[in-house]
PDB file of N, CA and C in Angstrom:
ATOM      1  N   MET A   1     -22.204  21.012  -2.688  1.00  0.00           N
ATOM      2  CA  MET A   1     -21.411  20.300  -1.844  1.00  0.00           C
ATOM      3  C   MET A   1     -21.328  18.861  -2.161  1.00  0.00           C
ATOM      4  N   LYS A   2     -20.194  18.403  -2.245  1.00  0.00           N
ATOM      5  CA  LYS A   2     -19.870  16.884  -2.540  1.00  0.00           C
ATOM      6  C   LYS A   2     -20.461  16.031  -1.540  1.00  0.00           C
ATOM      7  N   ASN A   3     -20.550  14.807  -1.869  1.00  0.00           N
ATOM      8  CA  ASN A   3     -21.137  13.777  -1.067  1.00  0.00           C
ATOM      9  C   ASN A   3     -20.146  13.484   0.081  1.00  0.00           C
ATOM     10  N   PRO A   4     -20.549  13.779   1.356  1.00  0.00           N
ATOM     11  CA  PRO A   4     -19.639  13.414   2.468  1.00  0.00           C
ATOM     12  C   PRO A   4     -19.212  12.121   2.603  1.00  0.00           C
ATOM     13  N   VAL A   5     -19.897  11.097   2.286  1.00  0.00           N
ATOM     14  CA  VAL A   5     -19.322   9.779   2.210  1.00  0.00           C
ATOM     15  C   VAL A   5     -18.376   9.466   1.254  1.00  0.00           C
ATOM     16  N   GLY A   6     -18.480  10.158   0.106  1.00  0.00           N
ATOM     17  CA  GLY A   6     -17.394   9.961  -0.830  1.00  0.00           C
ATOM     18  C   GLY A   6     -16.226  10.667  -0.636  1.00  0.00           C
ATOM     19  N   LEU A   7     -16.250  11.845   0.145  1.00  0.00           N
ATOM     20  CA  LEU A   7     -15.067  12.699   0.641  1.00  0.00           C
ATOM     21  C   LEU A   7     -14.360  11.696   1.757  1.00  0.00           C
ATOM     22  N   LEU A   8     -15.143  11.152   2.593  1.00  0.00           N
ATOM     23  CA  LEU A   8     -14.486  10.271   3.702  1.00  0.00           C
ATOM     24  C   LEU A   8     -13.968   9.166   2.985  1.00  0.00           C
ATOM     25  N   ALA A   9     -14.528   8.529   1.971  1.00  0.00           N
ATOM     26  CA  ALA A   9     -13.929   7.313   1.402  1.00  0.00           C
ATOM     27  C   ALA A   9     -12.703   7.818   0.655  1.00  0.00           C
ATOM     28  N   ALA A  10     -12.673   8.758  -0.073  1.00  0.00           N
ATOM     29  CA  ALA A  10     -11.368   9.252  -0.679  1.00  0.00           C
ATOM     30  C   ALA A  10     -10.262   9.572   0.380  1.00  0.00           C
ATOM     31  N   PHE A  11     -10.551  10.269   1.515  1.00  0.00           N
ATOM     32  CA  PHE A  11      -9.690  10.561   2.507  1.00  0.00           C
ATOM     33  C   PHE A  11      -9.176   9.286   3.092  1.00  0.00           C
ATOM     34  N   LEU A  12      -9.981   8.393   3.520  1.00  0.00           N
ATOM     35  CA  LEU A  12      -9.359   7.109   4.020  1.00  0.00           C
ATOM     36  C   LEU A  12      -8.612   6.181   2.982  1.00  0.00           C
ATOM     37  N   GLY A  13      -9.108   6.240   1.869  1.00  0.00           N
ATOM     38  CA  GLY A  13      -8.282   5.590   0.795  1.00  0.00           C
ATOM     39  C   GLY A  13      -6.784   6.255   0.475  1.00  0.00           C
ATOM     40  N   GLY A  14      -6.757   7.499   0.655  1.00  0.00           N
ATOM     41  CA  GLY A  14      -5.410   8.263   0.590  1.00  0.00           C
ATOM     42  C   GLY A  14      -4.750   7.967   1.698  1.00  0.00           C
ATOM     43  N   ALA A  15      -5.360   7.832   2.800  1.00  0.00           N
ATOM     44  CA  ALA A  15      -4.520   7.559   4.132  1.00  0.00           C
ATOM     45  C   ALA A  15      -3.797   6.146   4.005  1.00  0.00           C
ATOM     46  N   VAL A  16      -4.675   5.225   3.422  1.00  0.00           N
ATOM     47  CA  VAL A  16      -4.107   3.774   3.432  1.00  0.00           C
ATOM     48  C   VAL A  16      -3.177   3.786   2.440  1.00  0.00           C
ATOM     49  N   ILE A  17      -3.229   4.320   1.329  1.00  0.00           N
ATOM     50  CA  ILE A  17      -2.216   4.371   0.336  1.00  0.00           C
ATOM     51  C   ILE A  17      -0.907   5.119   0.748  1.00  0.00           C
ATOM     52  N   GLY A  18      -1.185   6.147   1.463  1.00  0.00           N
ATOM     53  CA  GLY A  18       0.076   7.066   2.126  1.00  0.00           C
ATOM     54  C   GLY A  18       0.765   6.247   3.071  1.00  0.00           C
ATOM     55  N   GLY A  19       0.002   5.551   3.857  1.00  0.00           N
ATOM     56  CA  GLY A  19       0.740   4.599   4.959  1.00  0.00           C
ATOM     57  C   GLY A  19       1.443   3.448   4.262  1.00  0.00           C
ATOM     58  N   ALA A  20       0.988   2.882   3.248  1.00  0.00           N
ATOM     59  CA  ALA A  20       1.675   1.770   2.527  1.00  0.00           C
ATOM     60  C   ALA A  20       2.900   2.443   1.861  1.00  0.00           C
ATOM     61  N   LEU A  21       2.714   3.493   1.313  1.00  0.00           N
ATOM     62  CA  LEU A  21       4.011   4.004   0.626  1.00  0.00           C
ATOM     63  C   LEU A  21       4.991   4.488   1.582  1.00  0.00           C
ATOM     64  N   GLY A  22       4.603   4.929   2.716  1.00  0.00           N
ATOM     65  CA  GLY A  22       5.535   5.193   3.857  1.00  0.00           C
ATOM     66  C   GLY A  22       6.316   3.975   4.237  1.00  0.00           C
ATOM     67  N   LEU A  23       5.690   2.829   4.322  1.00  0.00           N
ATOM     68  CA  LEU A  23       6.185   1.797   4.717  1.00  0.00           C
ATOM     69  C   LEU A  23       7.191   1.197   3.749  1.00  0.00           C
ATOM     70  N   LEU A  24       6.761   1.320   2.394  1.00  0.00           N
ATOM     71  CA  LEU A  24       7.723   0.971   1.303  1.00  0.00           C
ATOM     72  C   LEU A  24       9.121   1.756   1.225  1.00  0.00           C
ATOM     73  N   PHE A  25       8.973   2.961   1.675  1.00  0.00           N
ATOM     74  CA  PHE A  25      10.216   3.695   1.644  1.00  0.00           C
ATOM     75  C   PHE A  25      10.847   4.097   2.947  1.00  0.00           C
ATOM     76  N   ALA A  26      10.336   3.227   3.844  1.00  0.00           N
ATOM     77  CA  ALA A  26      11.100   3.329   5.332  1.00  0.00           C
ATOM     78  C   ALA A  26      12.429   2.725   5.200  1.00  0.00           C
ATOM     79  N   PRO A  27      13.415   3.041   6.193  1.00  0.00           N
ATOM     80  CA  PRO A  27      14.777   2.606   6.106  1.00  0.00           C
ATOM     81  C   PRO A  27      14.902   1.228   6.657  1.00  0.00           C
ATOM     82  N   GLU A  28      14.008   0.377   6.617  1.00  0.00           N
ATOM     83  CA  GLU A  28      13.980  -0.964   6.953  1.00  0.00           C
ATOM     84  C   GLU A  28      14.374  -1.863   5.661  1.00  0.00           C
ATOM     85  N   SER A  29      14.847  -3.093   5.916  1.00  0.00           N
ATOM     86  CA  SER A  29      15.051  -3.874   4.708  1.00  0.00           C
ATOM     87  C   SER A  29      13.631  -4.172   3.951  1.00  0.00           C
ATOM     88  N   GLY A  30      13.840  -4.506   2.689  1.00  0.00           N
ATOM     89  CA  GLY A  30      12.510  -4.877   1.811  1.00  0.00           C
ATOM     90  C   GLY A  30      11.819  -6.029   2.473  1.00  0.00           C
ATOM     91  N   GLU A  31      12.663  -7.044   2.819  1.00  0.00           N
ATOM     92  CA  GLU A  31      11.986  -8.159   3.462  1.00  0.00           C
ATOM     93  C   GLU A  31      11.193  -7.785   4.721  1.00  0.00           C
ATOM     94  N   GLU A  32      11.892  -7.234   5.678  1.00  0.00           N
ATOM     95  CA  GLU A  32      11.114  -6.715   6.796  1.00  0.00           C
ATOM     96  C   GLU A  32       9.768  -5.908   6.552  1.00  0.00           C
ATOM     97  N   THR A  33       9.966  -5.065   5.640  1.00  0.00           N
ATOM     98  CA  THR A  33       8.831  -4.124   5.158  1.00  0.00           C
ATOM     99  C   THR A  33       7.676  -5.071   4.592  1.00  0.00           C
ATOM    100  N   ARG A  34       8.062  -5.888   3.679  1.00  0.00           N
ATOM    101  CA  ARG A  34       7.091  -6.891   3.186  1.00  0.00           C
ATOM    102  C   ARG A  34       6.392  -7.651   4.221  1.00  0.00           C
ATOM    103  N   LYS A  35       7.096  -7.981   5.199  1.00  0.00           N
ATOM    104  CA  LYS A  35       6.506  -8.873   6.131  1.00  0.00           C
ATOM    105  C   LYS A  35       5.580  -8.221   7.164  1.00  0.00           C
ATOM    106  N   LYS A  36       5.872  -7.014   7.364  1.00  0.00           N
ATOM    107  CA  LYS A  36       5.008  -5.880   8.047  1.00  0.00           C
ATOM    108  C   LYS A  36       3.662  -5.825   7.334  1.00  0.00           C
ATOM    109  N   ILE A  37       3.795  -5.531   5.833  1.00  0.00           N
ATOM    110  CA  ILE A  37       2.732  -5.191   5.167  1.00  0.00           C
ATOM    111  C   ILE A  37       1.823  -6.483   5.196  1.00  0.00           C
ATOM    112  N   ALA A  38       2.338  -7.636   5.036  1.00  0.00           N
ATOM    113  CA  ALA A  38       1.600  -8.826   4.911  1.00  0.00           C
ATOM    114  C   ALA A  38       0.873  -9.114   6.371  1.00  0.00           C
ATOM    115  N   GLU A  39       1.676  -8.852   7.453  1.00  0.00           N
ATOM    116  CA  GLU A  39       1.005  -9.066   8.664  1.00  0.00           C
ATOM    117  C   GLU A  39      -0.417  -7.982   8.907  1.00  0.00           C
ATOM    118  N   ALA A  40      -0.174  -6.739   8.268  1.00  0.00           N
ATOM    119  CA  ALA A  40      -1.104  -5.692   8.319  1.00  0.00           C
ATOM    120  C   ALA A  40      -2.335  -6.256   7.686  1.00  0.00           C
ATOM    121  N   LEU A  41      -2.048  -6.691   6.345  1.00  0.00           N
ATOM    122  CA  LEU A  41      -3.207  -7.222   5.537  1.00  0.00           C
ATOM    123  C   LEU A  41      -3.932  -8.450   6.151  1.00  0.00           C
ATOM    124  N   GLU A  42      -3.165  -9.346   6.697  1.00  0.00           N
ATOM    125  CA  GLU A  42      -3.707 -10.514   7.239  1.00  0.00           C
ATOM    126  C   GLU A  42      -4.656 -10.208   8.483  1.00  0.00           C
ATOM    127  N   LYS A  43      -4.255  -9.142   9.233  1.00  0.00           N
ATOM    128  CA  LYS A  43      -5.233  -8.693  10.172  1.00  0.00           C
ATOM    129  C   LYS A  43      -6.473  -8.297   9.853  1.00  0.00           C
ATOM    130  N   ARG A  44      -6.541  -7.834   8.516  1.00  0.00           N
ATOM    131  CA  ARG A  44      -7.686  -7.360   8.003  1.00  0.00           C
ATOM    132  C   ARG A  44      -8.553  -8.444   6.975  1.00  0.00           C
ATOM    133  N   GLY A  45      -7.860  -9.701   7.127  1.00  0.00           N
ATOM    134  CA  GLY A  45      -8.566 -10.790   6.431  1.00  0.00           C
ATOM    135  C   GLY A  45      -7.992 -11.009   5.004  1.00  0.00           C
ATOM    136  N   ILE A  46      -6.976 -10.236   4.688  1.00  0.00           N
ATOM    137  CA  ILE A  46      -6.420 -10.393   3.119  1.00  0.00           C
ATOM    138  C   ILE A  46      -5.036 -11.202   3.346  1.00  0.00           C
ATOM    139  N   LYS A  47      -5.075 -12.281   2.615  1.00  0.00           N
ATOM    140  CA  LYS A  47      -3.884 -13.065   2.749  1.00  0.00           C
ATOM    141  C   LYS A  47      -3.171 -13.020   1.224  1.00  0.00           C
ATOM    142  N   LEU A  48      -1.785 -12.764   1.271  1.00  0.00           N
ATOM    143  CA  LEU A  48      -1.263 -12.848  -0.110  1.00  0.00           C
ATOM    144  C   LEU A  48       0.000 -13.705   0.096  1.00  0.00           C
ATOM    145  N   SER A  49       0.262 -14.509  -1.023  1.00  0.00           N
ATOM    146  CA  SER A  49       1.492 -15.192  -1.187  1.00  0.00           C
ATOM    147  C   SER A  49       2.720 -14.458  -1.306  1.00  0.00           C
ATOM    148  N   LYS A  50       3.825 -14.878  -1.031  1.00  0.00           N
ATOM    149  CA  LYS A  50       4.986 -14.096  -1.282  1.00  0.00           C
ATOM    150  C   LYS A  50       5.138 -13.564  -2.726  1.00  0.00           C
ATOM    151  N   SER A  51       4.662 -14.353  -3.730  1.00  0.00           N
ATOM    152  CA  SER A  51       4.886 -13.757  -5.089  1.00  0.00           C
ATOM    153  C   SER A  51       3.677 -12.601  -5.220  1.00  0.00           C
ATOM    154  N   GLU A  52       2.592 -12.888  -4.740  1.00  0.00           N
ATOM    155  CA  GLU A  52       1.556 -11.762  -4.875  1.00  0.00           C
ATOM    156  C   GLU A  52       2.002 -10.493  -4.126  1.00  0.00           C
ATOM    157  N   MET A  53       2.750 -10.529  -3.001  1.00  0.00           N
ATOM    158  CA  MET A  53       3.246  -9.527  -2.366  1.00  0.00           C
ATOM    159  C   MET A  53       4.199  -8.755  -3.149  1.00  0.00           C
ATOM    160  N   GLU A  54       5.114  -9.659  -3.823  1.00  0.00           N
ATOM    161  CA  GLU A  54       6.168  -9.091  -4.716  1.00  0.00           C
ATOM    162  C   GLU A  54       5.564  -8.247  -5.806  1.00  0.00           C
ATOM    163  N   ASP A  55       4.589  -8.819  -6.427  1.00  0.00           N
ATOM    164  CA  ASP A  55       3.772  -8.083  -7.527  1.00  0.00           C
ATOM    165  C   ASP A  55       3.170  -6.938  -7.215  1.00  0.00           C
ATOM    166  N   LEU A  56       2.289  -6.838  -5.842  1.00  0.00           N
ATOM    167  CA  LEU A  56       1.924  -5.655  -5.373  1.00  0.00           C
ATOM    168  C   LEU A  56       2.782  -4.589  -5.265  1.00  0.00           C
ATOM    169  N   VAL A  57       4.154  -4.966  -4.672  1.00  0.00           N
ATOM    170  CA  VAL A  57       5.061  -3.903  -4.419  1.00  0.00           C
ATOM    171  C   VAL A  57       5.720  -3.516  -5.845  1.00  0.00           C
ATOM    172  N   ASP A  58       5.671  -4.376  -6.708  1.00  0.00           N
ATOM    173  CA  ASP A  58       6.243  -3.862  -7.992  1.00  0.00           C
ATOM    174  C   ASP A  58       5.245  -3.077  -8.783  1.00  0.00           C
ATOM    175  N   GLU A  59       3.950  -3.331  -8.430  1.00  0.00           N
ATOM    176  CA  GLU A  59       2.850  -2.428  -9.097  1.00  0.00           C
ATOM    177  C   GLU A  59       2.960  -1.111  -8.622  1.00  0.00           C
ATOM    178  N   ILE A  60       3.066  -0.926  -7.134  1.00  0.00           N
ATOM    179  CA  ILE A  60       3.073   0.352  -6.479  1.00  0.00           C
ATOM    180  C   ILE A  60       4.365   1.181  -6.948  1.00  0.00           C
ATOM    181  N   LYS A  61       5.447   0.414  -7.091  1.00  0.00           N
ATOM    182  CA  LYS A  61       6.879   1.102  -7.513  1.00  0.00           C
ATOM    183  C   LYS A  61       6.596   1.710  -8.932  1.00  0.00           C
ATOM    184  N   SER A  62       5.916   0.856  -9.740  1.00  0.00           N
ATOM    185  CA  SER A  62       5.754   1.212 -11.297  1.00  0.00           C
ATOM    186  C   SER A  62       4.813   2.428 -11.316  1.00  0.00           C
ATOM    187  N   GLU A  63       3.720   2.495 -10.403  1.00  0.00           N
ATOM    188  CA  GLU A  63       2.805   3.749 -10.272  1.00  0.00           C
ATOM    189  C   GLU A  63       3.651   5.031  -9.775  1.00  0.00           C
ATOM    190  N   MET A  64       4.539   4.810  -9.009  1.00  0.00           N
ATOM    191  CA  MET A  64       5.322   6.011  -8.437  1.00  0.00           C
ATOM    192  C   MET A  64       6.655   6.477  -9.331  1.00  0.00           C
ATOM    193  N   SER A  65       7.018   5.681 -10.223  1.00  0.00           N
ATOM    194  CA  SER A  65       8.293   6.045 -11.091  1.00  0.00           C
ATOM    195  C   SER A  65       7.775   7.095 -12.023  1.00  0.00           C
ATOM    196  N   PRO A  66       8.847   7.968 -12.310  1.00  0.00           N
ATOM    197  CA  PRO A  66       8.482   9.234 -13.178  1.00  0.00           C
ATOM    198  C   PRO A  66       8.025   8.847 -14.302  1.00  0.00           C
ATOM    199  N   GLU A  67       8.420   7.565 -14.865  1.00  0.00           N
ATOM    200  CA  GLU A  67       8.034   7.216 -16.237  1.00  0.00           C
ATOM    201  C   GLU A  67       6.506   6.935 -16.245  1.00  0.00           C
ATOM    202  N   ALA A  68       5.824   6.630 -15.271  1.00  0.00           N
ATOM    203  CA  ALA A  68       4.533   6.500 -15.338  1.00  0.00           C
ATOM    204  C   ALA A  68       3.592   7.738 -15.329  1.00  0.00           C
ATOM    205  N   LYS A  69       4.141   8.676 -15.212  1.00  0.00           N
ATOM    206  CA  LYS A  69       3.464  10.043 -15.154  1.00  0.00           C
ATOM    207  C   LYS A  69       3.299  10.517 -16.512  1.00  0.00           C
TER     208      LYS A  69
END
C-alpha cells in the first residue's frame, strides 16, 4: 500500500490545480479572474505582482496547450 500521506498530498495538490484551472477557464473576464486568484493567494500569504501573475497564467496555459504534450 502506498504512503497515505503521499496520497493525501497528491489529492490536495490535484484539487488546488483543478480549482485554479477552473478559475482560469471560467466565463469571467481575464482581469477579474486574475484578481480573484491574487486575492486567494494573498489570503494564504503569497503575494504576486501583476507581471508575476501574468507569468503564472502563461505558464499554466502553456502546460495545458496540446503542443506541450
